[in-house]
Amino acid sequence: MIPLILSGGSGSRLWPLSRKLYPKQFLALTGTATMFQQTLQRLALEGMGKPMVVCNEEHRFIVSEQLAAIDCSAQTILLEPFGRNTAPAVAIAAMHLLAEGRDELLLVLPADHVIEELEVFHAALNVARQAAEQGEMVLFGVPAERPETGYGYIKTGSSNSALPAGVLTVERFVEKPDHATASEFVEQGDYFWNSGMFLFRCSRYLEELQCHDPDIYDTCMLALKRSEVDLDYVRIDPNSFACCPD
């Protein structure tokens, strides 16, 4: 299992503490370690590979310094010339691994989450791994305990006997509802907050991406082919990446 840490945020929500050149994931907001470092530290598990990181090119030295500060090294740091959201970032990482002949499970994690109950998180990873090894694409949901209008929601379906216990099917996604709708979701009890964390095999993700959004797939493939390798960094070709749908 390869962790893919998405660290491309601009930090605008916590301005002026968080800034474009030093967004919130690189700040120590909830402890002595930064949020980026905490994301890596909670992955000290058996069977977990060296991480990959996707970040803005302007943050490459911050990423390298914060990795070194916790005695951690990344197998690859993918440098985006500008942000194009989650799907292209994951696509290029998956394509990079497949180009090396490594069709591995990819654990996609934002770099700015706070997770206090590590045992619960690790147990969820174990269950998700079983489902991903069966070819499922797993999305981690957080129980919606109160109405929040800044989160996306997942409506879950029934359990499936073919899936590991604790894994539910997804019926629909709702992106940032109003307060009244969010309140209804909480009362229904079958809605979860979308955590933005995923687990799937590289080829499985790319298969779905090619089917549902071939423009992103083709553009990312071209951008990776035209990218340059510079020590630990892979500099994504800006001209090709600029054509990628946002």
C-alpha atoms as a PDB file:
ATOM      1  CA  MET A   1       0.000   0.000   0.000  1.00  0.00           C
ATOM      2  CA  ILE A   2       1.438   3.361  -1.086  1.00  0.00           C
ATOM      3  CA  PRO A   3       0.268   6.534   0.691  1.00  0.00           C
ATOM      4  CA  LEU A   4      -0.292   9.456  -1.656  1.00  0.00           C
ATOM      5  CA  ILE A   5      -0.253  12.702   0.319  1.00  0.00           C
ATOM      6  CA  LEU A   6      -2.095  15.536  -1.418  1.00  0.00           C
ATOM      7  CA  SER A   7      -0.489  18.767  -0.300  1.00  0.00           C
ATOM      8  CA  GLY A   8      -1.517  21.242  -2.937  1.00  0.00           C
ATOM      9  CA  GLY A   9      -3.854  23.522  -0.974  1.00  0.00           C
ATOM     10  CA  SER A  10      -3.498  27.285  -1.121  1.00  0.00           C
ATOM     11  CA  GLY A  11      -4.269  27.899   2.548  1.00  0.00           C
ATOM     12  CA  SER A  12      -6.717  30.733   1.864  1.00  0.00           C
ATOM     13  CA  ARG A  13      -9.198  29.664   4.555  1.00  0.00           C
ATOM     14  CA  LEU A  14      -6.821  30.440   7.439  1.00  0.00           C
ATOM     15  CA  TRP A  15      -5.312  33.631   6.076  1.00  0.00           C
ATOM     16  CA  PRO A  16      -3.221  35.450   7.307  1.00  0.00           C
ATOM     17  CA  LEU A  17      -1.795  32.635   9.472  1.00  0.00           C
ATOM     18  CA  SER A  18      -1.876  30.397   6.400  1.00  0.00           C
ATOM     19  CA  ARG A  19      -0.674  31.935   3.146  1.00  0.00           C
ATOM     20  CA  LYS A  20      -0.242  30.967  -0.491  1.00  0.00           C
ATOM     21  CA  LEU A  21       3.474  30.264  -0.041  1.00  0.00           C
ATOM     22  CA  TYR A  22       2.972  28.616   3.364  1.00  0.00           C
ATOM     23  CA  PRO A  23      -0.487  26.983   3.513  1.00  0.00           C
ATOM     24  CA  LYS A  24      -2.016  25.470   6.634  1.00  0.00           C
ATOM     25  CA  GLN A  25      -0.785  21.893   6.124  1.00  0.00           C
ATOM     26  CA  PHE A  26       2.743  23.112   6.852  1.00  0.00           C
ATOM     27  CA  LEU A  27       1.752  24.718  10.157  1.00  0.00           C
ATOM     28  CA  ALA A  28       1.742  23.113  13.619  1.00  0.00           C
ATOM     29  CA  LEU A  29      -1.877  23.892  14.453  1.00  0.00           C
ATOM     30  CA  THR A  30      -2.775  20.894  16.621  1.00  0.00           C
ATOM     31  CA  GLY A  31       0.537  19.852  18.182  1.00  0.00           C
ATOM     32  CA  THR A  32       4.284  20.169  17.823  1.00  0.00           C
ATOM     33  CA  ALA A  33       4.311  18.539  14.392  1.00  0.00           C
ATOM     34  CA  THR A  34       2.740  20.171  11.351  1.00  0.00           C
ATOM     35  CA  MET A  35      -0.448  18.767   9.834  1.00  0.00           C
ATOM     36  CA  PHE A  36       1.586  17.436   6.907  1.00  0.00           C
ATOM     37  CA  GLN A  37       3.977  15.687   9.294  1.00  0.00           C
ATOM     38  CA  GLN A  38       1.137  14.258  11.396  1.00  0.00           C
ATOM     39  CA  THR A  39      -0.411  12.793   8.246  1.00  0.00           C
ATOM     40  CA  LEU A  40       2.814  10.888   7.630  1.00  0.00           C
ATOM     41  CA  GLN A  41       3.379   9.891  11.247  1.00  0.00           C
ATOM     42  CA  ARG A  42      -0.010   8.199  11.587  1.00  0.00           C
ATOM     43  CA  LEU A  43       0.960   5.838   8.753  1.00  0.00           C
ATOM     44  CA  ALA A  44       3.632   3.945  10.696  1.00  0.00           C
ATOM     45  CA  LEU A  45       2.001   0.584   9.988  1.00  0.00           C
ATOM     46  CA  GLU A  46       3.190  -2.788   8.760  1.00  0.00           C
ATOM     47  CA  GLY A  47       2.831  -3.127   5.007  1.00  0.00           C
ATOM     48  CA  MET A  48       2.802   0.624   4.383  1.00  0.00           C
ATOM     49  CA  GLY A  49       5.208   1.732   1.661  1.00  0.00           C
ATOM     50  CA  LYS A  50       7.216   4.931   1.412  1.00  0.00           C
ATOM     51  CA  PRO A  51       4.911   7.853   0.651  1.00  0.00           C
ATOM     52  CA  MET A  52       4.408   9.783  -2.531  1.00  0.00           C
ATOM     53  CA  VAL A  53       3.648  13.487  -2.229  1.00  0.00           C
ATOM     54  CA  VAL A  54       1.874  15.819  -4.633  1.00  0.00           C
ATOM     55  CA  CYS A  55       2.532  19.492  -3.985  1.00  0.00           C
ATOM     56  CA  ASN A  56       2.861  22.816  -5.727  1.00  0.00           C
ATOM     57  CA  GLU A  57       6.312  23.451  -7.145  1.00  0.00           C
ATOM     58  CA  GLU A  58       6.601  26.535  -4.916  1.00  0.00           C
ATOM     59  CA  HIS A  59       6.350  24.278  -1.833  1.00  0.00           C
ATOM     60  CA  ARG A  60       8.978  21.696  -2.825  1.00  0.00           C
ATOM     61  CA  PHE A  61      11.622  22.849  -0.335  1.00  0.00           C
ATOM     62  CA  ILE A  62       9.110  23.085   2.512  1.00  0.00           C
ATOM     63  CA  VAL A  63       8.004  19.516   1.801  1.00  0.00           C
ATOM     64  CA  SER A  64      11.578  18.229   1.710  1.00  0.00           C
ATOM     65  CA  GLU A  65      12.502  20.057   4.918  1.00  0.00           C
ATOM     66  CA  GLN A  66       9.450  18.809   6.806  1.00  0.00           C
ATOM     67  CA  LEU A  67      10.043  15.247   5.652  1.00  0.00           C
ATOM     68  CA  ALA A  68      13.651  15.391   6.829  1.00  0.00           C
ATOM     69  CA  ALA A  69      12.631  16.875  10.185  1.00  0.00           C
ATOM     70  CA  ILE A  70      10.711  13.690  11.054  1.00  0.00           C
ATOM     71  CA  ASP A  71      13.290  11.376   9.466  1.00  0.00           C
ATOM     72  CA  CYS A  72      10.969  10.423   6.626  1.00  0.00           C
ATOM     73  CA  SER A  73      11.710  10.197   2.926  1.00  0.00           C
ATOM     74  CA  ALA A  74       9.318  10.132  -0.006  1.00  0.00           C
ATOM     75  CA  GLN A  75       9.764   7.758  -2.904  1.00  0.00           C
ATOM     76  CA  THR A  76       8.509  10.473  -5.263  1.00  0.00           C
ATOM     77  CA  ILE A  77       7.491  14.124  -4.966  1.00  0.00           C
ATOM     78  CA  LEU A  78       5.266  15.164  -7.851  1.00  0.00           C
ATOM     79  CA  LEU A  79       5.428  18.908  -8.483  1.00  0.00           C
ATOM     80  CA  GLU A  80       2.340  20.567  -9.901  1.00  0.00           C
ATOM     81  CA  PRO A  81       2.930  23.864 -11.727  1.00  0.00           C
ATOM     82  CA  PHE A  82      -0.573  24.864 -10.564  1.00  0.00           C
ATOM     83  CA  GLY A  83      -3.510  23.099  -8.938  1.00  0.00           C
ATOM     84  CA  ARG A  84      -6.009  21.001 -10.859  1.00  0.00           C
ATOM     85  CA  ASN A  85      -7.811  19.369  -7.920  1.00  0.00           C
ATOM     86  CA  THR A  86      -7.811  15.767  -6.765  1.00  0.00           C
ATOM     87  CA  ALA A  87      -8.581  13.649  -9.838  1.00  0.00           C
ATOM     88  CA  PRO A  88      -5.597  14.751 -11.983  1.00  0.00           C
ATOM     89  CA  ALA A  89      -3.176  14.598  -9.042  1.00  0.00           C
ATOM     90  CA  VAL A  90      -4.194  11.021  -8.255  1.00  0.00           C
ATOM     91  CA  ALA A  91      -4.179  10.078 -11.932  1.00  0.00           C
ATOM     92  CA  ILE A  92      -0.585  11.188 -12.481  1.00  0.00           C
ATOM     93  CA  ALA A  93       0.569   9.395  -9.323  1.00  0.00           C
ATOM     94  CA  ALA A  94      -1.174   6.178 -10.403  1.00  0.00           C
ATOM     95  CA  MET A  95       0.240   6.456 -13.925  1.00  0.00           C
ATOM     96  CA  HIS A  96       3.727   7.033 -12.516  1.00  0.00           C
ATOM     97  CA  LEU A  97       3.532   3.826 -10.475  1.00  0.00           C
ATOM     98  CA  LEU A  98       2.119   1.802 -13.359  1.00  0.00           C
ATOM     99  CA  ALA A  99       4.916   3.070 -15.623  1.00  0.00           C
ATOM    100  CA  GLU A 100       7.304   1.438 -13.137  1.00  0.00           C
ATOM    101  CA  GLY A 101       5.326  -1.805 -13.307  1.00  0.00           C
ATOM    102  CA  ARG A 102       3.789  -1.299  -9.871  1.00  0.00           C
ATOM    103  CA  ASP A 103       0.020  -1.740  -9.827  1.00  0.00           C
ATOM    104  CA  GLU A 104      -0.236  -1.173  -6.083  1.00  0.00           C
ATOM    105  CA  LEU A 105      -2.964  -0.108  -3.691  1.00  0.00           C
ATOM    106  CA  LEU A 106      -2.944   3.685  -3.484  1.00  0.00           C
ATOM    107  CA  LEU A 107      -4.054   5.338  -0.233  1.00  0.00           C
ATOM    108  CA  VAL A 108      -5.039   8.919  -1.047  1.00  0.00           C
ATOM    109  CA  LEU A 109      -4.844  11.310   1.923  1.00  0.00           C
ATOM    110  CA  PRO A 110      -5.183  15.089   2.180  1.00  0.00           C
ATOM    111  CA  ALA A 111      -2.287  16.599   4.113  1.00  0.00           C
ATOM    112  CA  ASP A 112      -4.429  18.765   6.408  1.00  0.00           C
ATOM    113  CA  HIS A 113      -6.677  16.352   8.311  1.00  0.00           C
ATOM    114  CA  VAL A 114      -6.905  16.047  12.082  1.00  0.00           C
ATOM    115  CA  ILE A 115      -7.463  12.429  13.181  1.00  0.00           C
ATOM    116  CA  GLU A 116      -7.457  11.930  16.936  1.00  0.00           C
ATOM    117  CA  GLU A 117      -8.649   8.326  17.208  1.00  0.00           C
ATOM    118  CA  LEU A 118      -5.760   6.521  15.553  1.00  0.00           C
ATOM    119  CA  GLU A 119      -6.953   3.035  16.486  1.00  0.00           C
ATOM    120  CA  VAL A 120     -10.269   3.681  14.724  1.00  0.00           C
ATOM    121  CA  PHE A 121      -8.437   5.051  11.693  1.00  0.00           C
ATOM    122  CA  HIS A 122      -6.090   2.057  11.529  1.00  0.00           C
ATOM    123  CA  ALA A 123      -8.997  -0.380  11.885  1.00  0.00           C
ATOM    124  CA  ALA A 124     -10.783   1.369   9.010  1.00  0.00           C
ATOM    125  CA  LEU A 125      -7.635   1.078   6.891  1.00  0.00           C
ATOM    126  CA  ASN A 126      -7.515  -2.659   7.521  1.00  0.00           C
ATOM    127  CA  VAL A 127     -11.133  -3.134   6.434  1.00  0.00           C
ATOM    128  CA  ALA A 128     -10.654  -0.873   3.416  1.00  0.00           C
ATOM    129  CA  ARG A 129      -7.589  -2.828   2.344  1.00  0.00           C
ATOM    130  CA  GLN A 130      -9.626  -6.025   2.181  1.00  0.00           C
ATOM    131  CA  ALA A 131     -12.215  -4.358  -0.055  1.00  0.00           C
ATOM    132  CA  ALA A 132      -9.606  -2.711  -2.296  1.00  0.00           C
ATOM    133  CA  GLU A 133      -7.834  -6.029  -2.765  1.00  0.00           C
ATOM    134  CA  GLN A 134     -11.145  -7.348  -4.128  1.00  0.00           C
ATOM    135  CA  GLY A 135     -11.136  -4.585  -6.745  1.00  0.00           C
ATOM    136  CA  GLU A 136     -13.362  -2.101  -4.933  1.00  0.00           C
ATOM    137  CA  MET A 137     -12.778   1.642  -4.860  1.00  0.00           C
ATOM    138  CA  VAL A 138     -13.081   2.668  -1.229  1.00  0.00           C
ATOM    139  CA  LEU A 139     -14.060   6.097   0.066  1.00  0.00           C
ATOM    140  CA  PHE A 140     -13.743   6.811   3.781  1.00  0.00           C
ATOM    141  CA  GLY A 141     -16.788   8.459   5.331  1.00  0.00           C
ATOM    142  CA  VAL A 142     -17.094  10.215   8.679  1.00  0.00           C
ATOM    143  CA  PRO A 143     -20.405   9.897  10.585  1.00  0.00           C
ATOM    144  CA  ALA A 144     -22.334  13.157  10.134  1.00  0.00           C
ATOM    145  CA  GLU A 145     -22.947  14.126  13.761  1.00  0.00           C
ATOM    146  CA  ARG A 146     -24.177  17.677  13.106  1.00  0.00           C
ATOM    147  CA  PRO A 147     -25.254  19.743  10.098  1.00  0.00           C
ATOM    148  CA  GLU A 148     -22.235  21.174   8.300  1.00  0.00           C
ATOM    149  CA  THR A 149     -22.615  23.159   5.087  1.00  0.00           C
ATOM    150  CA  GLY A 150     -18.905  23.175   4.261  1.00  0.00           C
ATOM    151  CA  TYR A 151     -18.633  19.410   3.742  1.00  0.00           C
ATOM    152  CA  GLY A 152     -19.701  17.060   0.985  1.00  0.00           C
ATOM    153  CA  TYR A 153     -22.024  14.216   1.983  1.00  0.00           C
ATOM    154  CA  ILE A 154     -22.214  10.546   1.023  1.00  0.00           C
ATOM    155  CA  LYS A 155     -25.513   8.669   1.096  1.00  0.00           C
ATOM    156  CA  THR A 156     -24.821   5.033   1.851  1.00  0.00           C
ATOM    157  CA  GLY A 157     -26.772   2.026   0.685  1.00  0.00           C
ATOM    158  CA  SER A 158     -27.103  -1.385   2.224  1.00  0.00           C
ATOM    159  CA  SER A 159     -24.244  -3.676   3.105  1.00  0.00           C
ATOM    160  CA  ASN A 160     -23.234  -6.295   0.566  1.00  0.00           C
ATOM    161  CA  SER A 161     -22.393  -9.881   1.497  1.00  0.00           C
ATOM    162  CA  ALA A 162     -19.546  -9.808  -1.040  1.00  0.00           C
ATOM    163  CA  LEU A 163     -17.893  -6.913   0.825  1.00  0.00           C
ATOM    164  CA  PRO A 164     -15.997  -7.058   4.122  1.00  0.00           C
ATOM    165  CA  ALA A 165     -18.041  -6.279   7.229  1.00  0.00           C
ATOM    166  CA  GLY A 166     -18.229  -2.538   7.788  1.00  0.00           C
ATOM    167  CA  VAL A 167     -18.078  -1.602   4.092  1.00  0.00           C
ATOM    168  CA  LEU A 168     -21.223   0.001   2.652  1.00  0.00           C
ATOM    169  CA  THR A 169     -22.181   0.790  -0.920  1.00  0.00           C
ATOM    170  CA  VAL A 170     -22.518   4.419  -2.052  1.00  0.00           C
ATOM    171  CA  GLU A 171     -25.846   5.595  -3.470  1.00  0.00           C
ATOM    172  CA  ARG A 172     -25.147   9.268  -4.121  1.00  0.00           C
ATOM    173  CA  PHE A 173     -22.954  12.275  -3.374  1.00  0.00           C
ATOM    174  CA  VAL A 174     -24.235  15.688  -2.293  1.00  0.00           C
ATOM    175  CA  GLU A 175     -21.798  18.587  -2.453  1.00  0.00           C
ATOM    176  CA  LYS A 176     -22.069  21.141   0.391  1.00  0.00           C
ATOM    177  CA  PRO A 177     -25.834  21.308   1.018  1.00  0.00           C
ATOM    178  CA  ASP A 178     -27.622  24.187   2.746  1.00  0.00           C
ATOM    179  CA  HIS A 179     -28.219  24.011   6.502  1.00  0.00           C
ATOM    180  CA  ALA A 180     -31.762  22.676   6.273  1.00  0.00           C
ATOM    181  CA  THR A 181     -30.746  19.858   3.927  1.00  0.00           C
ATOM    182  CA  ALA A 182     -27.709  19.013   6.038  1.00  0.00           C
ATOM    183  CA  SER A 183     -29.962  18.798   9.101  1.00  0.00           C
ATOM    184  CA  GLU A 184     -32.195  16.307   7.290  1.00  0.00           C
ATOM    185  CA  PHE A 185     -29.161  14.198   6.399  1.00  0.00           C
ATOM    186  CA  VAL A 186     -28.081  14.036  10.036  1.00  0.00           C
ATOM    187  CA  GLU A 187     -31.574  12.986  11.138  1.00  0.00           C
ATOM    188  CA  GLN A 188     -31.744  10.231   8.492  1.00  0.00           C
ATOM    189  CA  GLY A 189     -28.542   8.659   9.781  1.00  0.00           C
ATOM    190  CA  ASP A 190     -27.415   7.114   6.487  1.00  0.00           C
ATOM    191  CA  TYR A 191     -25.312  10.074   5.368  1.00  0.00           C
ATOM    192  CA  PHE A 192     -21.604  10.494   6.030  1.00  0.00           C
ATOM    193  CA  TRP A 193     -19.252  13.407   5.565  1.00  0.00           C
ATOM    194  CA  ASN A 194     -16.955  12.894   2.595  1.00  0.00           C
ATOM    195  CA  SER A 195     -13.447  12.699   4.084  1.00  0.00           C
ATOM    196  CA  GLY A 196     -11.619  12.964   0.756  1.00  0.00           C
ATOM    197  CA  MET A 197      -9.622   9.834   1.672  1.00  0.00           C
ATOM    198  CA  PHE A 198      -9.617   6.920  -0.778  1.00  0.00           C
ATOM    199  CA  LEU A 199      -8.079   3.496  -1.278  1.00  0.00           C
ATOM    200  CA  PHE A 200      -7.971   1.618  -4.566  1.00  0.00           C
ATOM    201  CA  ARG A 201      -5.603  -0.150  -6.910  1.00  0.00           C
ATOM    202  CA  CYS A 202      -3.909   2.141  -9.422  1.00  0.00           C
ATOM    203  CA  SER A 203      -5.259   0.347 -12.486  1.00  0.00           C
ATOM    204  CA  ARG A 204      -8.780   0.281 -11.051  1.00  0.00           C
ATOM    205  CA  TYR A 205      -8.849   4.031 -10.572  1.00  0.00           C
ATOM    206  CA  LEU A 206      -7.457   4.733 -14.030  1.00  0.00           C
ATOM    207  CA  GLU A 207      -9.950   2.332 -15.586  1.00  0.00           C
ATOM    208  CA  GLU A 208     -12.837   4.331 -14.124  1.00  0.00           C
ATOM    209  CA  LEU A 209     -11.231   7.677 -14.943  1.00  0.00           C
ATOM    210  CA  GLN A 210     -10.699   6.697 -18.578  1.00  0.00           C
ATOM    211  CA  CYS A 211     -14.339   5.619 -18.781  1.00  0.00           C
ATOM    212  CA  HIS A 212     -15.941   8.643 -17.084  1.00  0.00           C
ATOM    213  CA  ASP A 213     -13.527  11.484 -17.897  1.00  0.00           C
ATOM    214  CA  PRO A 214     -11.207  10.566 -20.772  1.00  0.00           C
ATOM    215  CA  ASP A 215     -10.098  14.199 -21.156  1.00  0.00           C
ATOM    216  CA  ILE A 216      -8.465  14.157 -17.711  1.00  0.00           C
ATOM    217  CA  TYR A 217      -6.989  10.716 -18.379  1.00  0.00           C
ATOM    218  CA  ASP A 218      -5.462  11.654 -21.742  1.00  0.00           C
ATOM    219  CA  THR A 219      -4.144  15.025 -20.556  1.00  0.00           C
ATOM    220  CA  CYS A 220      -2.543  13.528 -17.446  1.00  0.00           C
ATOM    221  CA  MET A 221      -0.914  10.787 -19.489  1.00  0.00           C
ATOM    222  CA  LEU A 222       0.593  13.383 -21.825  1.00  0.00           C
ATOM    223  CA  ALA A 223       1.660  15.640 -18.940  1.00  0.00           C
ATOM    224  CA  LEU A 224       3.456  12.750 -17.245  1.00  0.00           C
ATOM    225  CA  LYS A 225       5.217  11.688 -20.462  1.00  0.00           C
ATOM    226  CA  ARG A 226       6.515  15.243 -20.880  1.00  0.00           C
ATOM    227  CA  SER A 227       7.510  15.634 -17.243  1.00  0.00           C
ATOM    228  CA  GLU A 228      11.115  15.989 -16.100  1.00  0.00           C
ATOM    229  CA  VAL A 229      12.788  14.033 -13.306  1.00  0.00           C
ATOM    230  CA  ASP A 230      15.014  16.139 -11.049  1.00  0.00           C
ATOM    231  CA  LEU A 231      16.486  14.092  -8.169  1.00  0.00           C
ATOM    232  CA  ASP A 232      13.506  13.188  -5.942  1.00  0.00           C
ATOM    233  CA  TYR A 233      11.164  15.467  -7.874  1.00  0.00           C
ATOM    234  CA  VAL A 234       9.001  14.855 -10.914  1.00  0.00           C
ATOM    235  CA  ARG A 235       8.200  18.203 -12.524  1.00  0.00           C
ATOM    236  CA  ILE A 236       4.848  17.890 -14.275  1.00  0.00           C
ATOM    237  CA  ASP A 237       4.877  19.522 -17.710  1.00  0.00           C
ATOM    238  CA  PRO A 238       2.995  22.836 -17.341  1.00  0.00           C
ATOM    239  CA  ASN A 239       1.924  23.185 -20.970  1.00  0.00           C
ATOM    240  CA  SER A 240       0.192  19.812 -21.035  1.00  0.00           C
ATOM    241  CA  PHE A 241      -1.173  20.107 -17.481  1.00  0.00           C
ATOM    242  CA  ALA A 242      -2.740  23.484 -18.300  1.00  0.00           C
ATOM    243  CA  CYS A 243      -5.117  21.691 -20.677  1.00  0.00           C
ATOM    244  CA  CYS A 244      -6.389  19.415 -17.913  1.00  0.00           C
ATOM    245  CA  PRO A 245     -10.018  20.081 -16.883  1.00  0.00           C
ATOM    246  CA  ASP A 246     -10.202  21.547 -13.382  1.00  0.00           C
END
